[in-house]
Amino acid sequence: MHFERKDLSDEQLLHFYRSLLLPRMIEEKMLVLLRQGRISKWFSGIGQEAIATGVALALEQDEWIMPLHRNLGVFTTRNMPLHKLVKQWQGHKDGYSKGRERSFHFGSKAHHICGMISHLGPQLAVADGAALAHKLRRENKVAVAFTGEGGTSEGDFHEALNIAAVWDLPVIFIIENNGYGLSTPVEEQYRSESLAERAKGYGMDGIKIDGNNILSVFDTVKG
């Protein structure tokens, strides 16, 4: 893996490292709590922290993000209070949405994070809406939505890409390809060499990068 620090200072690189480390440490603790029965469900993002963290670091604090259930790094990088997050995961009344939505099915308007939609594909259209608002207001901002390789097989994915291209919306779609859509391997999901190729069909730019390289993620999203 090749890292290009470009003009990033040592202080910034240390900040990137700490931003990567925090969600990993929390994840390890949450898996312990899961085994102890103190939380009912947890979708681990261990090994994928650089994607969520790198994207969140590249955006402005007031740009909307639509994360997935494995994107803890988005929440920690946006500095959401950890005590309230843990209460949410434990179903506590003092959590976000009073703990009713477990996992990451909740958002925070104050932190410009939109709660995930379980089907994964539909939230890309929500990002289109946020991007359209930016465009109509003539704001120099983007909206970002995450999905997985399994989500690209849904009709909502294609509708969202098409409208984003036709309306020239300031939106970025992040596809996290971890090899499986639940239990379905990529060989049964698509035949193209890379999911980035799908963007070409809609007249959009598609870029494939190493999701474990936080500097590559940051540079690509930052543009």
C-alpha atoms as a PDB file:
ATOM      1  CA  MET A   1       0.000   0.000   0.000  1.00  0.00           C
ATOM      2  CA  HIS A   2       1.380   3.393  -1.011  1.00  0.00           C
ATOM      3  CA  PHE A   3       0.630   6.483   1.066  1.00  0.00           C
ATOM      4  CA  GLU A   4       0.852  10.007  -0.371  1.00  0.00           C
ATOM      5  CA  ARG A   5       0.876  12.552   2.440  1.00  0.00           C
ATOM      6  CA  LYS A   6       1.089  15.468  -0.035  1.00  0.00           C
ATOM      7  CA  ASP A   7       0.874  18.699   1.973  1.00  0.00           C
ATOM      8  CA  LEU A   8      -0.531  17.147   5.151  1.00  0.00           C
ATOM      9  CA  SER A   9       1.397  18.089   8.280  1.00  0.00           C
ATOM     10  CA  ASP A  10       2.575  15.657  10.959  1.00  0.00           C
ATOM     11  CA  GLU A  11      -0.154  17.034  13.216  1.00  0.00           C
ATOM     12  CA  GLN A  12      -2.817  16.304  10.601  1.00  0.00           C
ATOM     13  CA  LEU A  13      -1.522  12.774  10.071  1.00  0.00           C
ATOM     14  CA  LEU A  14      -1.650  12.139  13.814  1.00  0.00           C
ATOM     15  CA  HIS A  15      -5.219  13.443  13.822  1.00  0.00           C
ATOM     16  CA  PHE A  16      -6.058  10.997  11.013  1.00  0.00           C
ATOM     17  CA  TYR A  17      -4.529   8.143  13.012  1.00  0.00           C
ATOM     18  CA  ARG A  18      -6.440   9.009  16.167  1.00  0.00           C
ATOM     19  CA  SER A  19      -9.631   9.318  14.115  1.00  0.00           C
ATOM     20  CA  LEU A  20      -9.027   5.780  12.801  1.00  0.00           C
ATOM     21  CA  LEU A  21      -8.180   4.367  16.199  1.00  0.00           C
ATOM     22  CA  LEU A  22     -11.247   5.653  18.064  1.00  0.00           C
ATOM     23  CA  PRO A  23     -13.927   3.704  16.143  1.00  0.00           C
ATOM     24  CA  ARG A  24     -11.764   0.557  16.236  1.00  0.00           C
ATOM     25  CA  MET A  25     -11.455   0.758  20.032  1.00  0.00           C
ATOM     26  CA  ILE A  26     -15.199   1.345  20.397  1.00  0.00           C
ATOM     27  CA  GLU A  27     -15.995  -1.546  18.038  1.00  0.00           C
ATOM     28  CA  GLU A  28     -13.843  -3.945  20.044  1.00  0.00           C
ATOM     29  CA  LYS A  29     -15.678  -2.923  23.209  1.00  0.00           C
ATOM     30  CA  MET A  30     -19.092  -3.243  21.558  1.00  0.00           C
ATOM     31  CA  LEU A  31     -18.297  -6.793  20.437  1.00  0.00           C
ATOM     32  CA  VAL A  32     -17.508  -7.644  24.061  1.00  0.00           C
ATOM     33  CA  LEU A  33     -20.832  -6.135  25.149  1.00  0.00           C
ATOM     34  CA  LEU A  34     -22.589  -8.138  22.430  1.00  0.00           C
ATOM     35  CA  ARG A  35     -21.129 -11.398  23.742  1.00  0.00           C
ATOM     36  CA  GLN A  36     -22.168 -10.383  27.257  1.00  0.00           C
ATOM     37  CA  GLY A  37     -25.728  -9.781  26.088  1.00  0.00           C
ATOM     38  CA  ARG A  38     -25.609  -6.110  27.067  1.00  0.00           C
ATOM     39  CA  ILE A  39     -26.477  -5.052  23.514  1.00  0.00           C
ATOM     40  CA  SER A  40     -28.733  -7.012  21.171  1.00  0.00           C
ATOM     41  CA  LYS A  41     -27.087  -6.460  17.798  1.00  0.00           C
ATOM     42  CA  TRP A  42     -23.925  -5.029  16.286  1.00  0.00           C
ATOM     43  CA  PHE A  43     -22.795  -4.792  12.660  1.00  0.00           C
ATOM     44  CA  SER A  44     -19.028  -4.617  12.836  1.00  0.00           C
ATOM     45  CA  GLY A  45     -17.081  -2.270  10.593  1.00  0.00           C
ATOM     46  CA  ILE A  46     -13.670  -3.489  11.744  1.00  0.00           C
ATOM     47  CA  GLY A  47     -11.307  -3.294   8.789  1.00  0.00           C
ATOM     48  CA  GLN A  48     -13.390  -0.635   7.045  1.00  0.00           C
ATOM     49  CA  GLU A  49     -12.705   2.306   9.374  1.00  0.00           C
ATOM     50  CA  ALA A  50     -10.576   4.200   6.858  1.00  0.00           C
ATOM     51  CA  ILE A  51     -13.532   4.650   4.514  1.00  0.00           C
ATOM     52  CA  ALA A  52     -15.987   6.230   6.943  1.00  0.00           C
ATOM     53  CA  THR A  53     -13.298   8.219   8.718  1.00  0.00           C
ATOM     54  CA  GLY A  54     -11.579   9.429   5.549  1.00  0.00           C
ATOM     55  CA  VAL A  55     -14.855  10.573   4.014  1.00  0.00           C
ATOM     56  CA  ALA A  56     -15.961  12.426   7.148  1.00  0.00           C
ATOM     57  CA  LEU A  57     -12.576  14.138   7.483  1.00  0.00           C
ATOM     58  CA  ALA A  58     -12.743  15.332   3.874  1.00  0.00           C
ATOM     59  CA  LEU A  59     -16.148  16.986   4.245  1.00  0.00           C
ATOM     60  CA  GLU A  60     -17.147  20.221   5.905  1.00  0.00           C
ATOM     61  CA  GLN A  61     -19.059  19.836   9.158  1.00  0.00           C
ATOM     62  CA  ASP A  62     -22.264  21.194   7.601  1.00  0.00           C
ATOM     63  CA  GLU A  63     -22.283  18.825   4.621  1.00  0.00           C
ATOM     64  CA  TRP A  64     -24.778  15.976   4.924  1.00  0.00           C
ATOM     65  CA  ILE A  65     -23.673  12.343   5.208  1.00  0.00           C
ATOM     66  CA  MET A  66     -25.917   9.285   4.808  1.00  0.00           C
ATOM     67  CA  PRO A  67     -23.909   6.478   6.487  1.00  0.00           C
ATOM     68  CA  LEU A  68     -24.443   2.735   6.779  1.00  0.00           C
ATOM     69  CA  HIS A  69     -24.569   0.381   9.756  1.00  0.00           C
ATOM     70  CA  ARG A  70     -20.794  -0.216   9.620  1.00  0.00           C
ATOM     71  CA  ASN A  71     -19.783   3.451   9.470  1.00  0.00           C
ATOM     72  CA  LEU A  72     -19.113   4.209  13.120  1.00  0.00           C
ATOM     73  CA  GLY A  73     -16.208   6.386  11.970  1.00  0.00           C
ATOM     74  CA  VAL A  74     -18.652   8.914  10.541  1.00  0.00           C
ATOM     75  CA  PHE A  75     -20.276   9.392  13.942  1.00  0.00           C
ATOM     76  CA  THR A  76     -17.028   9.603  15.895  1.00  0.00           C
ATOM     77  CA  THR A  77     -15.345  11.911  13.384  1.00  0.00           C
ATOM     78  CA  ARG A  78     -18.331  14.245  13.571  1.00  0.00           C
ATOM     79  CA  ASN A  79     -17.695  14.333  17.346  1.00  0.00           C
ATOM     80  CA  MET A  80     -21.052  12.986  18.460  1.00  0.00           C
ATOM     81  CA  PRO A  81     -21.075  12.538  22.279  1.00  0.00           C
ATOM     82  CA  LEU A  82     -19.887   9.005  23.036  1.00  0.00           C
ATOM     83  CA  HIS A  83     -21.991   8.626  26.177  1.00  0.00           C
ATOM     84  CA  LYS A  84     -25.140   9.331  24.185  1.00  0.00           C
ATOM     85  CA  LEU A  85     -24.102   6.953  21.405  1.00  0.00           C
ATOM     86  CA  VAL A  86     -23.526   4.108  23.859  1.00  0.00           C
ATOM     87  CA  LYS A  87     -26.874   4.764  25.519  1.00  0.00           C
ATOM     88  CA  GLN A  88     -28.506   4.579  22.099  1.00  0.00           C
ATOM     89  CA  TRP A  89     -26.906   1.206  21.363  1.00  0.00           C
ATOM     90  CA  GLN A  90     -28.066  -0.116  24.730  1.00  0.00           C
ATOM     91  CA  GLY A  91     -31.636   1.013  24.130  1.00  0.00           C
ATOM     92  CA  HIS A  92     -31.489   3.682  26.831  1.00  0.00           C
ATOM     93  CA  LYS A  93     -34.051   6.472  26.889  1.00  0.00           C
ATOM     94  CA  ASP A  94     -31.265   9.083  26.916  1.00  0.00           C
ATOM     95  CA  GLY A  95     -29.886   7.867  23.592  1.00  0.00           C
ATOM     96  CA  TYR A  96     -30.629   9.308  20.178  1.00  0.00           C
ATOM     97  CA  SER A  97     -34.263   8.530  19.288  1.00  0.00           C
ATOM     98  CA  LYS A  98     -34.573   7.388  22.927  1.00  0.00           C
ATOM     99  CA  GLY A  99     -32.715   4.200  22.077  1.00  0.00           C
ATOM    100  CA  ARG A 100     -35.541   2.811  19.956  1.00  0.00           C
ATOM    101  CA  GLU A 101     -33.650   2.280  16.729  1.00  0.00           C
ATOM    102  CA  ARG A 102     -30.592   0.441  18.034  1.00  0.00           C
ATOM    103  CA  SER A 103     -27.542   0.264  15.790  1.00  0.00           C
ATOM    104  CA  PHE A 104     -27.302   3.223  13.374  1.00  0.00           C
ATOM    105  CA  HIS A 105     -30.902   3.762  12.284  1.00  0.00           C
ATOM    106  CA  PHE A 106     -30.805   7.248  13.746  1.00  0.00           C
ATOM    107  CA  GLY A 107     -29.373  10.562  12.705  1.00  0.00           C
ATOM    108  CA  SER A 108     -28.485  13.940  14.099  1.00  0.00           C
ATOM    109  CA  LYS A 109     -29.515  17.168  12.458  1.00  0.00           C
ATOM    110  CA  ALA A 110     -26.954  19.036  14.552  1.00  0.00           C
ATOM    111  CA  HIS A 111     -24.169  16.858  13.127  1.00  0.00           C
ATOM    112  CA  HIS A 112     -25.603  16.694   9.587  1.00  0.00           C
ATOM    113  CA  ILE A 113     -25.934  12.907   9.703  1.00  0.00           C
ATOM    114  CA  CYS A 114     -29.019  11.261   8.229  1.00  0.00           C
ATOM    115  CA  GLY A 115     -30.120   7.967   9.771  1.00  0.00           C
ATOM    116  CA  MET A 116     -29.560   4.951   7.550  1.00  0.00           C
ATOM    117  CA  ILE A 117     -32.318   3.167   5.670  1.00  0.00           C
ATOM    118  CA  SER A 118     -32.065  -0.602   6.159  1.00  0.00           C
ATOM    119  CA  HIS A 119     -32.436  -1.384   2.467  1.00  0.00           C
ATOM    120  CA  LEU A 120     -29.258   0.664   1.813  1.00  0.00           C
ATOM    121  CA  GLY A 121     -30.182   1.669  -1.740  1.00  0.00           C
ATOM    122  CA  PRO A 122     -32.951   4.200  -0.962  1.00  0.00           C
ATOM    123  CA  GLN A 123     -30.712   6.536   1.031  1.00  0.00           C
ATOM    124  CA  LEU A 124     -28.849   7.455  -2.146  1.00  0.00           C
ATOM    125  CA  ALA A 125     -31.998   9.218  -3.302  1.00  0.00           C
ATOM    126  CA  VAL A 126     -32.078  11.082   0.019  1.00  0.00           C
ATOM    127  CA  ALA A 127     -28.559  12.298  -0.747  1.00  0.00           C
ATOM    128  CA  ASP A 128     -29.839  13.474  -4.131  1.00  0.00           C
ATOM    129  CA  GLY A 129     -32.413  15.582  -2.296  1.00  0.00           C
ATOM    130  CA  ALA A 130     -29.803  17.145  -0.020  1.00  0.00           C
ATOM    131  CA  ALA A 131     -27.581  17.824  -3.020  1.00  0.00           C
ATOM    132  CA  LEU A 132     -30.477  19.415  -4.900  1.00  0.00           C
ATOM    133  CA  ALA A 133     -31.069  21.737  -1.947  1.00  0.00           C
ATOM    134  CA  HIS A 134     -27.409  22.787  -2.059  1.00  0.00           C
ATOM    135  CA  LYS A 135     -27.674  23.443  -5.780  1.00  0.00           C
ATOM    136  CA  LEU A 136     -30.886  25.475  -5.561  1.00  0.00           C
ATOM    137  CA  ARG A 137     -29.397  27.578  -2.760  1.00  0.00           C
ATOM    138  CA  ARG A 138     -26.214  28.059  -4.781  1.00  0.00           C
ATOM    139  CA  GLU A 139     -24.153  26.619  -1.931  1.00  0.00           C
ATOM    140  CA  ASN A 140     -20.695  25.259  -2.631  1.00  0.00           C
ATOM    141  CA  LYS A 141     -21.389  22.001  -0.795  1.00  0.00           C
ATOM    142  CA  VAL A 142     -21.818  18.305  -1.521  1.00  0.00           C
ATOM    143  CA  ALA A 143     -23.891  15.493  -0.041  1.00  0.00           C
ATOM    144  CA  VAL A 144     -22.480  12.003   0.476  1.00  0.00           C
ATOM    145  CA  ALA A 145     -24.235   8.645   0.696  1.00  0.00           C
ATOM    146  CA  PHE A 146     -22.775   5.233   1.464  1.00  0.00           C
ATOM    147  CA  THR A 147     -23.979   1.927   0.103  1.00  0.00           C
ATOM    148  CA  GLY A 148     -22.573  -1.575  -0.230  1.00  0.00           C
ATOM    149  CA  GLU A 149     -21.937  -3.733  -3.270  1.00  0.00           C
ATOM    150  CA  GLY A 150     -25.184  -5.543  -2.469  1.00  0.00           C
ATOM    151  CA  GLY A 151     -27.069  -2.253  -2.528  1.00  0.00           C
ATOM    152  CA  THR A 152     -25.962  -1.633  -6.116  1.00  0.00           C
ATOM    153  CA  SER A 153     -28.276  -4.450  -7.213  1.00  0.00           C
ATOM    154  CA  GLU A 154     -31.307  -2.500  -6.032  1.00  0.00           C
ATOM    155  CA  GLY A 155     -33.357  -0.340  -8.350  1.00  0.00           C
ATOM    156  CA  ASP A 156     -33.029   2.626  -6.004  1.00  0.00           C
ATOM    157  CA  PHE A 157     -29.284   2.699  -6.656  1.00  0.00           C
ATOM    158  CA  HIS A 158     -29.741   3.120 -10.396  1.00  0.00           C
ATOM    159  CA  GLU A 159     -32.526   5.677 -10.040  1.00  0.00           C
ATOM    160  CA  ALA A 160     -30.375   7.767  -7.707  1.00  0.00           C
ATOM    161  CA  LEU A 161     -27.390   7.702 -10.061  1.00  0.00           C
ATOM    162  CA  ASN A 162     -29.527   8.586 -13.049  1.00  0.00           C
ATOM    163  CA  ILE A 163     -31.198  11.615 -11.461  1.00  0.00           C
ATOM    164  CA  ALA A 164     -27.871  12.795 -10.010  1.00  0.00           C
ATOM    165  CA  ALA A 165     -26.330  12.723 -13.471  1.00  0.00           C
ATOM    166  CA  VAL A 166     -29.279  14.267 -15.325  1.00  0.00           C
ATOM    167  CA  TRP A 167     -29.653  17.104 -12.812  1.00  0.00           C
ATOM    168  CA  ASP A 168     -25.884  17.480 -12.365  1.00  0.00           C
ATOM    169  CA  LEU A 169     -26.159  17.266  -8.586  1.00  0.00           C
ATOM    170  CA  PRO A 170     -23.239  17.849  -6.181  1.00  0.00           C
ATOM    171  CA  VAL A 171     -23.385  14.373  -4.661  1.00  0.00           C
ATOM    172  CA  ILE A 172     -20.855  11.614  -4.009  1.00  0.00           C
ATOM    173  CA  PHE A 173     -21.865   7.962  -3.786  1.00  0.00           C
ATOM    174  CA  ILE A 174     -19.520   5.712  -1.808  1.00  0.00           C
ATOM    175  CA  ILE A 175     -19.726   1.975  -2.548  1.00  0.00           C
ATOM    176  CA  GLU A 176     -18.087  -0.126   0.157  1.00  0.00           C
ATOM    177  CA  ASN A 177     -17.243  -3.465  -1.405  1.00  0.00           C
ATOM    178  CA  ASN A 178     -16.363  -5.971   1.310  1.00  0.00           C
ATOM    179  CA  GLY A 179     -16.965  -8.977  -0.903  1.00  0.00           C
ATOM    180  CA  TYR A 180     -20.394 -10.021   0.377  1.00  0.00           C
ATOM    181  CA  GLY A 181     -23.918  -8.624   0.391  1.00  0.00           C
ATOM    182  CA  LEU A 182     -24.941 -10.325   3.646  1.00  0.00           C
ATOM    183  CA  SER A 183     -24.152 -13.897   2.526  1.00  0.00           C
ATOM    184  CA  THR A 184     -24.126 -13.324  -1.244  1.00  0.00           C
ATOM    185  CA  PRO A 185     -20.616 -13.194  -2.779  1.00  0.00           C
ATOM    186  CA  VAL A 186     -19.734 -10.590  -5.391  1.00  0.00           C
ATOM    187  CA  GLU A 187     -19.546 -13.299  -8.074  1.00  0.00           C
ATOM    188  CA  GLU A 188     -23.327 -13.595  -7.799  1.00  0.00           C
ATOM    189  CA  GLN A 189     -23.900  -9.828  -7.693  1.00  0.00           C
ATOM    190  CA  TYR A 190     -22.307  -8.458 -10.870  1.00  0.00           C
ATOM    191  CA  ARG A 191     -20.112  -9.381 -13.852  1.00  0.00           C
ATOM    192  CA  SER A 192     -18.124  -6.182 -14.400  1.00  0.00           C
ATOM    193  CA  GLU A 193     -14.533  -5.944 -13.179  1.00  0.00           C
ATOM    194  CA  SER A 194     -15.324  -2.992 -10.938  1.00  0.00           C
ATOM    195  CA  LEU A 195     -18.494  -1.380  -9.631  1.00  0.00           C
ATOM    196  CA  ALA A 196     -16.944   1.979 -10.507  1.00  0.00           C
ATOM    197  CA  GLU A 197     -17.682   1.094 -14.136  1.00  0.00           C
ATOM    198  CA  ARG A 198     -21.402   1.492 -13.484  1.00  0.00           C
ATOM    199  CA  ALA A 199     -20.960   5.242 -13.239  1.00  0.00           C
ATOM    200  CA  LYS A 200     -19.992   5.406 -16.917  1.00  0.00           C
ATOM    201  CA  GLY A 201     -23.431   4.173 -17.919  1.00  0.00           C
ATOM    202  CA  TYR A 202     -24.922   7.323 -16.430  1.00  0.00           C
ATOM    203  CA  GLY A 203     -22.296   9.747 -17.682  1.00  0.00           C
ATOM    204  CA  MET A 204     -20.690  10.086 -14.257  1.00  0.00           C
ATOM    205  CA  ASP A 205     -17.128   9.767 -13.042  1.00  0.00           C
ATOM    206  CA  GLY A 206     -16.381   6.509 -11.258  1.00  0.00           C
ATOM    207  CA  ILE A 207     -13.192   6.023  -9.246  1.00  0.00           C
ATOM    208  CA  LYS A 208     -11.914   2.829  -7.627  1.00  0.00           C
ATOM    209  CA  ILE A 209      -9.594   3.246  -4.649  1.00  0.00           C
ATOM    210  CA  ASP A 210      -8.158   1.193  -1.791  1.00  0.00           C
ATOM    211  CA  GLY A 211     -10.614   1.627   1.060  1.00  0.00           C
ATOM    212  CA  ASN A 212      -7.955   0.778   3.634  1.00  0.00           C
ATOM    213  CA  ASN A 213      -5.847   3.762   2.597  1.00  0.00           C
ATOM    214  CA  ILE A 214      -7.270   6.702   4.535  1.00  0.00           C
ATOM    215  CA  LEU A 215      -5.141   9.223   2.641  1.00  0.00           C
ATOM    216  CA  SER A 216      -6.441   7.943  -0.691  1.00  0.00           C
ATOM    217  CA  VAL A 217     -10.025   8.122   0.590  1.00  0.00           C
ATOM    218  CA  PHE A 218      -9.482  11.633   1.928  1.00  0.00           C
ATOM    219  CA  ASP A 219      -7.818  12.932  -1.243  1.00  0.00           C
ATOM    220  CA  THR A 220     -10.448  11.419  -3.538  1.00  0.00           C
ATOM    221  CA  VAL A 221     -13.424  12.847  -1.640  1.00  0.00           C
ATOM    222  CA  LYS A 222     -11.712  16.179  -1.030  1.00  0.00           C
ATOM    223  CA  GLY A 223     -11.140  16.458  -4.758  1.00  0.00           C
END
